Amino acid sequence: MATKREILAMSKNANNQKTVTIDEKEYVLQHPGVRAGVQLRDRSKDFNGNIVEEKLYDELMKHVIVSPKVSWETAEEIGHKAFQELMKEASTFLMG
């Protein structure tokens, strides 16, 4: 479950968009809204409540990175460093 601080941070970005540039390529991030953001984080956790990186990245690719669409194949194409930077940007944007 998200903390009050996390929910407040998410509400600041709810339904906003942000464009980030990574290795000269632009990606549009869109915040899914507070409730959807909390649900996204909940789906990304294991049985003990710990974030599972693969699940989180799947959720970010489906619900936060809106253009161009990103997949695991994209990760292979753009390289590990650029992919990690994109996931960090998306995660930070989601959480405010």
PDB file of N, CA and C in Angstrom:
ATOM      1  N   MET A   1       0.841  -1.182   0.000  1.00  0.00           N
ATOM      2  CA  MET A   1       0.000   0.000   0.000  1.00  0.00           C
ATOM      3  C   MET A   1       0.883   1.241   0.000  1.00  0.00           C
ATOM      4  N   ALA A   2       0.489   2.225  -0.763  1.00  0.00           N
ATOM      5  CA  ALA A   2       1.248   3.473  -0.849  1.00  0.00           C
ATOM      6  C   ALA A   2       1.083   4.276   0.434  1.00  0.00           C
ATOM      7  N   THR A   3       2.125   4.994   0.780  1.00  0.00           N
ATOM      8  CA  THR A   3       2.072   5.846   1.966  1.00  0.00           C
ATOM      9  C   THR A   3       1.370   7.154   1.613  1.00  0.00           C
ATOM     10  N   LYS A   4       0.986   7.892   2.646  1.00  0.00           N
ATOM     11  CA  LYS A   4       0.330   9.187   2.432  1.00  0.00           C
ATOM     12  C   LYS A   4       1.246  10.115   1.635  1.00  0.00           C
ATOM     13  N   ARG A   5       2.524  10.076   1.946  1.00  0.00           N
ATOM     14  CA  ARG A   5       3.502  10.911   1.237  1.00  0.00           C
ATOM     15  C   ARG A   5       3.548  10.553  -0.241  1.00  0.00           C
ATOM     16  N   GLU A   6       3.546   9.246  -0.551  1.00  0.00           N
ATOM     17  CA  GLU A   6       3.580   8.806  -1.943  1.00  0.00           C
ATOM     18  C   GLU A   6       2.316   9.230  -2.683  1.00  0.00           C
ATOM     19  N   ILE A   7       1.176   9.114  -2.033  1.00  0.00           N
ATOM     20  CA  ILE A   7      -0.090   9.502  -2.660  1.00  0.00           C
ATOM     21  C   ILE A   7      -0.108  10.999  -2.944  1.00  0.00           C
ATOM     22  N   LEU A   8       0.364  11.801  -1.997  1.00  0.00           N
ATOM     23  CA  LEU A   8       0.416  13.247  -2.218  1.00  0.00           C
ATOM     24  C   LEU A   8       1.347  13.593  -3.371  1.00  0.00           C
ATOM     25  N   ALA A   9       2.481  12.911  -3.438  1.00  0.00           N
ATOM     26  CA  ALA A   9       3.425  13.153  -4.536  1.00  0.00           C
ATOM     27  C   ALA A   9       2.800  12.769  -5.869  1.00  0.00           C
ATOM     28  N   MET A  10       2.087  11.644  -5.905  1.00  0.00           N
ATOM     29  CA  MET A  10       1.454  11.202  -7.152  1.00  0.00           C
ATOM     30  C   MET A  10       0.357  12.177  -7.572  1.00  0.00           C
ATOM     31  N   SER A  11      -0.378  12.727  -6.607  1.00  0.00           N
ATOM     32  CA  SER A  11      -1.477  13.623  -6.959  1.00  0.00           C
ATOM     33  C   SER A  11      -0.964  14.885  -7.636  1.00  0.00           C
ATOM     34  N   LYS A  12       0.267  15.268  -7.342  1.00  0.00           N
ATOM     35  CA  LYS A  12       0.864  16.442  -7.967  1.00  0.00           C
ATOM     36  C   LYS A  12       1.023  16.239  -9.475  1.00  0.00           C
ATOM     37  N   ASN A  13       1.321  15.022  -9.895  1.00  0.00           N
ATOM     38  CA  ASN A  13       1.551  14.727 -11.311  1.00  0.00           C
ATOM     39  C   ASN A  13       0.365  14.071 -12.005  1.00  0.00           C
ATOM     40  N   ALA A  14      -0.711  13.804 -11.294  1.00  0.00           N
ATOM     41  CA  ALA A  14      -1.838  13.059 -11.848  1.00  0.00           C
ATOM     42  C   ALA A  14      -2.281  13.633 -13.191  1.00  0.00           C
ATOM     43  N   ASN A  15      -2.324  12.755 -14.182  1.00  0.00           N
ATOM     44  CA  ASN A  15      -2.779  13.046 -15.540  1.00  0.00           C
ATOM     45  C   ASN A  15      -1.906  14.043 -16.297  1.00  0.00           C
ATOM     46  N   ASN A  16      -0.761  14.403 -15.750  1.00  0.00           N
ATOM     47  CA  ASN A  16       0.183  15.275 -16.447  1.00  0.00           C
ATOM     48  C   ASN A  16       1.045  14.460 -17.392  1.00  0.00           C
ATOM     49  N   GLN A  17       1.659  15.163 -18.331  1.00  0.00           N
ATOM     50  CA  GLN A  17       2.614  14.541 -19.230  1.00  0.00           C
ATOM     51  C   GLN A  17       3.964  15.226 -19.092  1.00  0.00           C
ATOM     52  N   LYS A  18       4.997  14.483 -19.434  1.00  0.00           N
ATOM     53  CA  LYS A  18       6.357  14.998 -19.413  1.00  0.00           C
ATOM     54  C   LYS A  18       7.109  14.330 -20.540  1.00  0.00           C
ATOM     55  N   THR A  19       7.931  15.101 -21.242  1.00  0.00           N
ATOM     56  CA  THR A  19       8.776  14.545 -22.288  1.00  0.00           C
ATOM     57  C   THR A  19      10.201  14.488 -21.765  1.00  0.00           C
ATOM     58  N   VAL A  20      10.819  13.328 -21.901  1.00  0.00           N
ATOM     59  CA  VAL A  20      12.215  13.163 -21.492  1.00  0.00           C
ATOM     60  C   VAL A  20      13.019  12.752 -22.723  1.00  0.00           C
ATOM     61  N   THR A  21      14.267  13.173 -22.758  1.00  0.00           N
ATOM     62  CA  THR A  21      15.150  12.823 -23.858  1.00  0.00           C
ATOM     63  C   THR A  21      16.276  11.955 -23.325  1.00  0.00           C
ATOM     64  N   ILE A  22      16.411  10.781 -23.917  1.00  0.00           N
ATOM     65  CA  ILE A  22      17.449   9.839 -23.525  1.00  0.00           C
ATOM     66  C   ILE A  22      18.164   9.398 -24.801  1.00  0.00           C
ATOM     67  N   ASP A  23      19.447   9.635 -24.826  1.00  0.00           N
ATOM     68  CA  ASP A  23      20.250   9.324 -26.019  1.00  0.00           C
ATOM     69  C   ASP A  23      19.630   9.896 -27.290  1.00  0.00           C
ATOM     70  N   GLU A  24      19.234  11.156 -27.206  1.00  0.00           N
ATOM     71  CA  GLU A  24      18.683  11.918 -28.329  1.00  0.00           C
ATOM     72  C   GLU A  24      17.335  11.412 -28.826  1.00  0.00           C
ATOM     73  N   LYS A  25      16.654  10.592 -28.041  1.00  0.00           N
ATOM     74  CA  LYS A  25      15.316  10.105 -28.407  1.00  0.00           C
ATOM     75  C   LYS A  25      14.332  10.597 -27.350  1.00  0.00           C
ATOM     76  N   GLU A  26      13.207  11.113 -27.809  1.00  0.00           N
ATOM     77  CA  GLU A  26      12.193  11.629 -26.886  1.00  0.00           C
ATOM     78  C   GLU A  26      11.167  10.559 -26.537  1.00  0.00           C
ATOM     79  N   TYR A  27      10.809  10.539 -25.261  1.00  0.00           N
ATOM     80  CA  TYR A  27       9.774   9.648 -24.742  1.00  0.00           C
ATOM     81  C   TYR A  27       8.760  10.490 -23.997  1.00  0.00           C
ATOM     82  N   VAL A  28       7.488  10.211 -24.224  1.00  0.00           N
ATOM     83  CA  VAL A  28       6.432  10.921 -23.515  1.00  0.00           C
ATOM     84  C   VAL A  28       5.945  10.047 -22.373  1.00  0.00           C
ATOM     85  N   LEU A  29       5.985  10.606 -21.174  1.00  0.00           N
ATOM     86  CA  LEU A  29       5.485   9.938 -19.983  1.00  0.00           C
ATOM     87  C   LEU A  29       4.151  10.566 -19.622  1.00  0.00           C
ATOM     88  N   GLN A  30       3.211   9.742 -19.208  1.00  0.00           N
ATOM     89  CA  GLN A  30       1.915  10.262 -18.773  1.00  0.00           C
ATOM     90  C   GLN A  30       1.546   9.610 -17.458  1.00  0.00           C
ATOM     91  N   HIS A  31       1.234  10.446 -16.494  1.00  0.00           N
ATOM     92  CA  HIS A  31       0.849   9.922 -15.181  1.00  0.00           C
ATOM     93  C   HIS A  31      -0.558   9.343 -15.284  1.00  0.00           C
ATOM     94  N   PRO A  32      -0.770   8.117 -14.805  1.00  0.00           N
ATOM     95  CA  PRO A  32      -2.081   7.475 -14.946  1.00  0.00           C
ATOM     96  C   PRO A  32      -3.136   7.955 -13.951  1.00  0.00           C
ATOM     97  N   GLY A  33      -2.770   8.814 -13.026  1.00  0.00           N
ATOM     98  CA  GLY A  33      -3.686   9.248 -11.968  1.00  0.00           C
ATOM     99  C   GLY A  33      -3.323   8.557 -10.662  1.00  0.00           C
ATOM    100  N   VAL A  34      -3.802   9.109  -9.572  1.00  0.00           N
ATOM    101  CA  VAL A  34      -3.401   8.618  -8.254  1.00  0.00           C
ATOM    102  C   VAL A  34      -3.815   7.168  -8.026  1.00  0.00           C
ATOM    103  N   ARG A  35      -5.086   6.866  -8.224  1.00  0.00           N
ATOM    104  CA  ARG A  35      -5.555   5.505  -7.958  1.00  0.00           C
ATOM    105  C   ARG A  35      -4.837   4.491  -8.851  1.00  0.00           C
ATOM    106  N   ALA A  36      -4.753   4.790 -10.132  1.00  0.00           N
ATOM    107  CA  ALA A  36      -4.069   3.880 -11.059  1.00  0.00           C
ATOM    108  C   ALA A  36      -2.592   3.755 -10.702  1.00  0.00           C
ATOM    109  N   GLY A  37      -1.989   4.838 -10.227  1.00  0.00           N
ATOM    110  CA  GLY A  37      -0.593   4.788  -9.807  1.00  0.00           C
ATOM    111  C   GLY A  37      -0.392   3.890  -8.601  1.00  0.00           C
ATOM    112  N   VAL A  38      -1.313   3.956  -7.643  1.00  0.00           N
ATOM    113  CA  VAL A  38      -1.242   3.082  -6.463  1.00  0.00           C
ATOM    114  C   VAL A  38      -1.455   1.631  -6.885  1.00  0.00           C
ATOM    115  N   GLN A  39      -2.412   1.386  -7.768  1.00  0.00           N
ATOM    116  CA  GLN A  39      -2.660   0.028  -8.248  1.00  0.00           C
ATOM    117  C   GLN A  39      -1.446  -0.513  -8.998  1.00  0.00           C
ATOM    118  N   LEU A  40      -0.816   0.336  -9.798  1.00  0.00           N
ATOM    119  CA  LEU A  40       0.381  -0.052 -10.532  1.00  0.00           C
ATOM    120  C   LEU A  40       1.466  -0.500  -9.567  1.00  0.00           C
ATOM    121  N   ARG A  41       1.704   0.265  -8.526  1.00  0.00           N
ATOM    122  CA  ARG A  41       2.724  -0.096  -7.535  1.00  0.00           C
ATOM    123  C   ARG A  41       2.346  -1.378  -6.807  1.00  0.00           C
ATOM    124  N   ASP A  42       1.069  -1.534  -6.476  1.00  0.00           N
ATOM    125  CA  ASP A  42       0.632  -2.765  -5.794  1.00  0.00           C
ATOM    126  C   ASP A  42       0.865  -3.998  -6.660  1.00  0.00           C
ATOM    127  N   ARG A  43       0.596  -3.879  -7.957  1.00  0.00           N
ATOM    128  CA  ARG A  43       0.812  -5.015  -8.864  1.00  0.00           C
ATOM    129  C   ARG A  43       2.298  -5.345  -9.039  1.00  0.00           C
ATOM    130  N   SER A  44       3.147  -4.397  -8.698  1.00  0.00           N
ATOM    131  CA  SER A  44       4.596  -4.561  -8.870  1.00  0.00           C
ATOM    132  C   SER A  44       5.286  -5.176  -7.666  1.00  0.00           C
ATOM    133  N   LYS A  45       4.519  -5.571  -6.658  1.00  0.00           N
ATOM    134  CA  LYS A  45       5.119  -6.087  -5.428  1.00  0.00           C
ATOM    135  C   LYS A  45       5.018  -7.605  -5.339  1.00  0.00           C
ATOM    136  N   ASP A  46       5.948  -8.175  -4.575  1.00  0.00           N
ATOM    137  CA  ASP A  46       5.906  -9.611  -4.320  1.00  0.00           C
ATOM    138  C   ASP A  46       5.039  -9.893  -3.093  1.00  0.00           C
ATOM    139  N   PHE A  47       4.998 -11.126  -2.683  1.00  0.00           N
ATOM    140  CA  PHE A  47       4.179 -11.566  -1.561  1.00  0.00           C
ATOM    141  C   PHE A  47       4.500 -10.814  -0.267  1.00  0.00           C
ATOM    142  N   ASN A  48       5.761 -10.412  -0.105  1.00  0.00           N
ATOM    143  CA  ASN A  48       6.193  -9.710   1.103  1.00  0.00           C
ATOM    144  C   ASN A  48       6.088  -8.190   1.001  1.00  0.00           C
ATOM    145  N   GLY A  49       5.583  -7.692  -0.108  1.00  0.00           N
ATOM    146  CA  GLY A  49       5.415  -6.253  -0.273  1.00  0.00           C
ATOM    147  C   GLY A  49       6.626  -5.540  -0.842  1.00  0.00           C
ATOM    148  N   ASN A  50       7.600  -6.297  -1.326  1.00  0.00           N
ATOM    149  CA  ASN A  50       8.793  -5.696  -1.924  1.00  0.00           C
ATOM    150  C   ASN A  50       8.580  -5.484  -3.420  1.00  0.00           C
ATOM    151  N   ILE A  51       9.060  -4.350  -3.924  1.00  0.00           N
ATOM    152  CA  ILE A  51       8.950  -4.071  -5.352  1.00  0.00           C
ATOM    153  C   ILE A  51       9.774  -5.084  -6.144  1.00  0.00           C
ATOM    154  N   VAL A  52       9.156  -5.657  -7.172  1.00  0.00           N
ATOM    155  CA  VAL A  52       9.840  -6.565  -8.092  1.00  0.00           C
ATOM    156  C   VAL A  52      10.135  -5.744  -9.346  1.00  0.00           C
ATOM    157  N   GLU A  53      11.408  -5.548  -9.609  1.00  0.00           N
ATOM    158  CA  GLU A  53      11.838  -4.661 -10.682  1.00  0.00           C
ATOM    159  C   GLU A  53      11.214  -5.029 -12.030  1.00  0.00           C
ATOM    160  N   GLU A  54      11.190  -6.296 -12.394  1.00  0.00           N
ATOM    161  CA  GLU A  54      10.612  -6.703 -13.680  1.00  0.00           C
ATOM    162  C   GLU A  54       9.132  -6.329 -13.764  1.00  0.00           C
ATOM    163  N   LYS A  55       8.393  -6.587 -12.702  1.00  0.00           N
ATOM    164  CA  LYS A  55       6.971  -6.241 -12.688  1.00  0.00           C
ATOM    165  C   LYS A  55       6.773  -4.727 -12.785  1.00  0.00           C
ATOM    166  N   LEU A  56       7.594  -3.976 -12.044  1.00  0.00           N
ATOM    167  CA  LEU A  56       7.491  -2.513 -12.085  1.00  0.00           C
ATOM    168  C   LEU A  56       7.761  -2.008 -13.499  1.00  0.00           C
ATOM    169  N   TYR A  57       8.807  -2.508 -14.130  1.00  0.00           N
ATOM    170  CA  TYR A  57       9.137  -2.071 -15.481  1.00  0.00           C
ATOM    171  C   TYR A  57       8.020  -2.423 -16.461  1.00  0.00           C
ATOM    172  N   ASP A  58       7.437  -3.615 -16.323  1.00  0.00           N
ATOM    173  CA  ASP A  58       6.295  -3.979 -17.174  1.00  0.00           C
ATOM    174  C   ASP A  58       5.173  -2.949 -17.038  1.00  0.00           C
ATOM    175  N   GLU A  59       4.873  -2.608 -15.803  1.00  0.00           N
ATOM    176  CA  GLU A  59       3.791  -1.648 -15.540  1.00  0.00           C
ATOM    177  C   GLU A  59       4.120  -0.263 -16.089  1.00  0.00           C
ATOM    178  N   LEU A  60       5.356   0.179 -15.907  1.00  0.00           N
ATOM    179  CA  LEU A  60       5.756   1.485 -16.438  1.00  0.00           C
ATOM    180  C   LEU A  60       5.666   1.502 -17.959  1.00  0.00           C
ATOM    181  N   MET A  61       6.089   0.414 -18.603  1.00  0.00           N
ATOM    182  CA  MET A  61       6.025   0.344 -20.062  1.00  0.00           C
ATOM    183  C   MET A  61       4.578   0.359 -20.552  1.00  0.00           C
ATOM    184  N   LYS A  62       3.672  -0.258 -19.815  1.00  0.00           N
ATOM    185  CA  LYS A  62       2.268  -0.336 -20.236  1.00  0.00           C
ATOM    186  C   LYS A  62       1.493   0.941 -19.929  1.00  0.00           C
ATOM    187  N   HIS A  63       1.786   1.577 -18.782  1.00  0.00           N
ATOM    188  CA  HIS A  63       0.890   2.621 -18.294  1.00  0.00           C
ATOM    189  C   HIS A  63       1.487   4.012 -18.119  1.00  0.00           C
ATOM    190  N   VAL A  64       2.797   4.151 -18.204  1.00  0.00           N
ATOM    191  CA  VAL A  64       3.406   5.464 -17.985  1.00  0.00           C
ATOM    192  C   VAL A  64       4.134   5.963 -19.236  1.00  0.00           C
ATOM    193  N   ILE A  65       4.890   5.108 -19.897  1.00  0.00           N
ATOM    194  CA  ILE A  65       5.608   5.511 -21.109  1.00  0.00           C
ATOM    195  C   ILE A  65       4.641   5.338 -22.272  1.00  0.00           C
ATOM    196  N   VAL A  66       4.101   6.457 -22.766  1.00  0.00           N
ATOM    197  CA  VAL A  66       3.016   6.368 -23.749  1.00  0.00           C
ATOM    198  C   VAL A  66       3.474   6.532 -25.193  1.00  0.00           C
ATOM    199  N   SER A  67       4.626   7.173 -25.402  1.00  0.00           N
ATOM    200  CA  SER A  67       5.074   7.376 -26.773  1.00  0.00           C
ATOM    201  C   SER A  67       6.589   7.577 -26.798  1.00  0.00           C
ATOM    202  N   PRO A  68       7.288   6.856 -27.657  1.00  0.00           N
ATOM    203  CA  PRO A  68       6.800   5.677 -28.360  1.00  0.00           C
ATOM    204  C   PRO A  68       6.599   4.537 -27.373  1.00  0.00           C
ATOM    205  N   LYS A  69       5.773   3.584 -27.749  1.00  0.00           N
ATOM    206  CA  LYS A  69       5.560   2.433 -26.875  1.00  0.00           C
ATOM    207  C   LYS A  69       6.877   1.695 -26.702  1.00  0.00           C
ATOM    208  N   VAL A  70       7.105   1.218 -25.499  1.00  0.00           N
ATOM    209  CA  VAL A  70       8.361   0.565 -25.146  1.00  0.00           C
ATOM    210  C   VAL A  70       8.058  -0.855 -24.679  1.00  0.00           C
ATOM    211  N   SER A  71       8.939  -1.779 -25.048  1.00  0.00           N
ATOM    212  CA  SER A  71       8.801  -3.180 -24.644  1.00  0.00           C
ATOM    213  C   SER A  71      10.174  -3.699 -24.242  1.00  0.00           C
ATOM    214  N   TRP A  72      10.220  -4.972 -23.868  1.00  0.00           N
ATOM    215  CA  TRP A  72      11.504  -5.568 -23.528  1.00  0.00           C
ATOM    216  C   TRP A  72      12.408  -5.619 -24.756  1.00  0.00           C
ATOM    217  N   GLU A  73      11.837  -5.723 -25.944  1.00  0.00           N
ATOM    218  CA  GLU A  73      12.634  -5.696 -27.158  1.00  0.00           C
ATOM    219  C   GLU A  73      13.297  -4.330 -27.319  1.00  0.00           C
ATOM    220  N   THR A  74      12.565  -3.275 -26.950  1.00  0.00           N
ATOM    221  CA  THR A  74      13.121  -1.931 -26.991  1.00  0.00           C
ATOM    222  C   THR A  74      14.337  -1.839 -26.083  1.00  0.00           C
ATOM    223  N   ALA A  75      14.247  -2.476 -24.926  1.00  0.00           N
ATOM    224  CA  ALA A  75      15.364  -2.465 -23.983  1.00  0.00           C
ATOM    225  C   ALA A  75      16.616  -3.035 -24.632  1.00  0.00           C
ATOM    226  N   GLU A  76      16.451  -4.106 -25.387  1.00  0.00           N
ATOM    227  CA  GLU A  76      17.592  -4.710 -26.074  1.00  0.00           C
ATOM    228  C   GLU A  76      18.137  -3.771 -27.150  1.00  0.00           C
ATOM    229  N   GLU A  77      17.243  -3.055 -27.826  1.00  0.00           N
ATOM    230  CA  GLU A  77      17.651  -2.169 -28.920  1.00  0.00           C
ATOM    231  C   GLU A  77      18.393  -0.930 -28.417  1.00  0.00           C
ATOM    232  N   ILE A  78      17.897  -0.322 -27.353  1.00  0.00           N
ATOM    233  CA  ILE A  78      18.490   0.945 -26.900  1.00  0.00           C
ATOM    234  C   ILE A  78      19.651   0.742 -25.939  1.00  0.00           C
ATOM    235  N   GLY A  79      19.790  -0.457 -25.413  1.00  0.00           N
ATOM    236  CA  GLY A  79      20.892  -0.751 -24.503  1.00  0.00           C
ATOM    237  C   GLY A  79      20.518  -0.594 -23.048  1.00  0.00           C
ATOM    238  N   HIS A  80      21.266  -1.272 -22.217  1.00  0.00           N
ATOM    239  CA  HIS A  80      20.976  -1.340 -20.786  1.00  0.00           C
ATOM    240  C   HIS A  80      20.993   0.039 -20.109  1.00  0.00           C
ATOM    241  N   LYS A  81      22.012   0.827 -20.381  1.00  0.00           N
ATOM    242  CA  LYS A  81      22.150   2.130 -19.709  1.00  0.00           C
ATOM    243  C   LYS A  81      20.981   3.055 -20.042  1.00  0.00           C
ATOM    244  N   ALA A  82      20.634   3.164 -21.316  1.00  0.00           N
ATOM    245  CA  ALA A  82      19.530   4.034 -21.728  1.00  0.00           C
ATOM    246  C   ALA A  82      18.202   3.516 -21.177  1.00  0.00           C
ATOM    247  N   PHE A  83      18.026   2.198 -21.187  1.00  0.00           N
ATOM    248  CA  PHE A  83      16.794   1.612 -20.659  1.00  0.00           C
ATOM    249  C   PHE A  83      16.657   1.895 -19.165  1.00  0.00           C
ATOM    250  N   GLN A  84      17.737   1.715 -18.416  1.00  0.00           N
ATOM    251  CA  GLN A  84      17.701   1.989 -16.977  1.00  0.00           C
ATOM    252  C   GLN A  84      17.379   3.454 -16.711  1.00  0.00           C
ATOM    253  N   GLU A  85      17.944   4.345 -17.513  1.00  0.00           N
ATOM    254  CA  GLU A  85      17.670   5.772 -17.357  1.00  0.00           C
ATOM    255  C   GLU A  85      16.198   6.076 -17.627  1.00  0.00           C
ATOM    256  N   LEU A  86      15.639   5.453 -18.657  1.00  0.00           N
ATOM    257  CA  LEU A  86      14.225   5.643 -18.985  1.00  0.00           C
ATOM    258  C   LEU A  86      13.333   5.132 -17.857  1.00  0.00           C
ATOM    259  N   MET A  87      13.637   3.963 -17.328  1.00  0.00           N
ATOM    260  CA  MET A  87      12.836   3.412 -16.226  1.00  0.00           C
ATOM    261  C   MET A  87      12.938   4.287 -14.984  1.00  0.00           C
ATOM    262  N   LYS A  88      14.110   4.827 -14.718  1.00  0.00           N
ATOM    263  CA  LYS A  88      14.284   5.728 -13.571  1.00  0.00           C
ATOM    264  C   LYS A  88      13.442   6.989 -13.761  1.00  0.00           C
ATOM    265  N   GLU A  89      13.481   7.558 -14.950  1.00  0.00           N
ATOM    266  CA  GLU A  89      12.677   8.752 -15.241  1.00  0.00           C
ATOM    267  C   GLU A  89      11.189   8.465 -15.072  1.00  0.00           C
ATOM    268  N   ALA A  90      10.736   7.339 -15.620  1.00  0.00           N
ATOM    269  CA  ALA A  90       9.327   6.976 -15.525  1.00  0.00           C
ATOM    270  C   ALA A  90       8.892   6.734 -14.088  1.00  0.00           C
ATOM    271  N   SER A  91       9.715   6.043 -13.327  1.00  0.00           N
ATOM    272  CA  SER A  91       9.403   5.756 -11.936  1.00  0.00           C
ATOM    273  C   SER A  91       9.367   7.031 -11.102  1.00  0.00           C
ATOM    274  N   THR A  92      10.355   7.898 -11.316  1.00  0.00           N
ATOM    275  CA  THR A  92      10.396   9.176 -10.594  1.00  0.00           C
ATOM    276  C   THR A  92       9.187  10.024 -10.947  1.00  0.00           C
ATOM    277  N   PHE A  93       8.824  10.051 -12.225  1.00  0.00           N
ATOM    278  CA  PHE A  93       7.652  10.806 -12.658  1.00  0.00           C
ATOM    279  C   PHE A  93       6.381  10.268 -12.015  1.00  0.00           C
ATOM    280  N   LEU A  94       6.256   8.953 -11.959  1.00  0.00           N
ATOM    281  CA  LEU A  94       5.072   8.332 -11.353  1.00  0.00           C
ATOM    282  C   LEU A  94       4.924   8.738  -9.892  1.00  0.00           C
ATOM    283  N   MET A  95       6.041   8.711  -9.171  1.00  0.00           N
ATOM    284  CA  MET A  95       5.991   8.965  -7.731  1.00  0.00           C
ATOM    285  C   MET A  95       6.101  10.444  -7.361  1.00  0.00           C
ATOM    286  N   GLY A  96       6.284  11.288  -8.348  1.00  0.00           N
ATOM    287  CA  GLY A  96       6.357  12.734  -8.064  1.00  0.00           C
ATOM    288  C   GLY A  96       7.723  13.098  -7.690  1.00  0.00           C
TER     289      GLY A  96
END
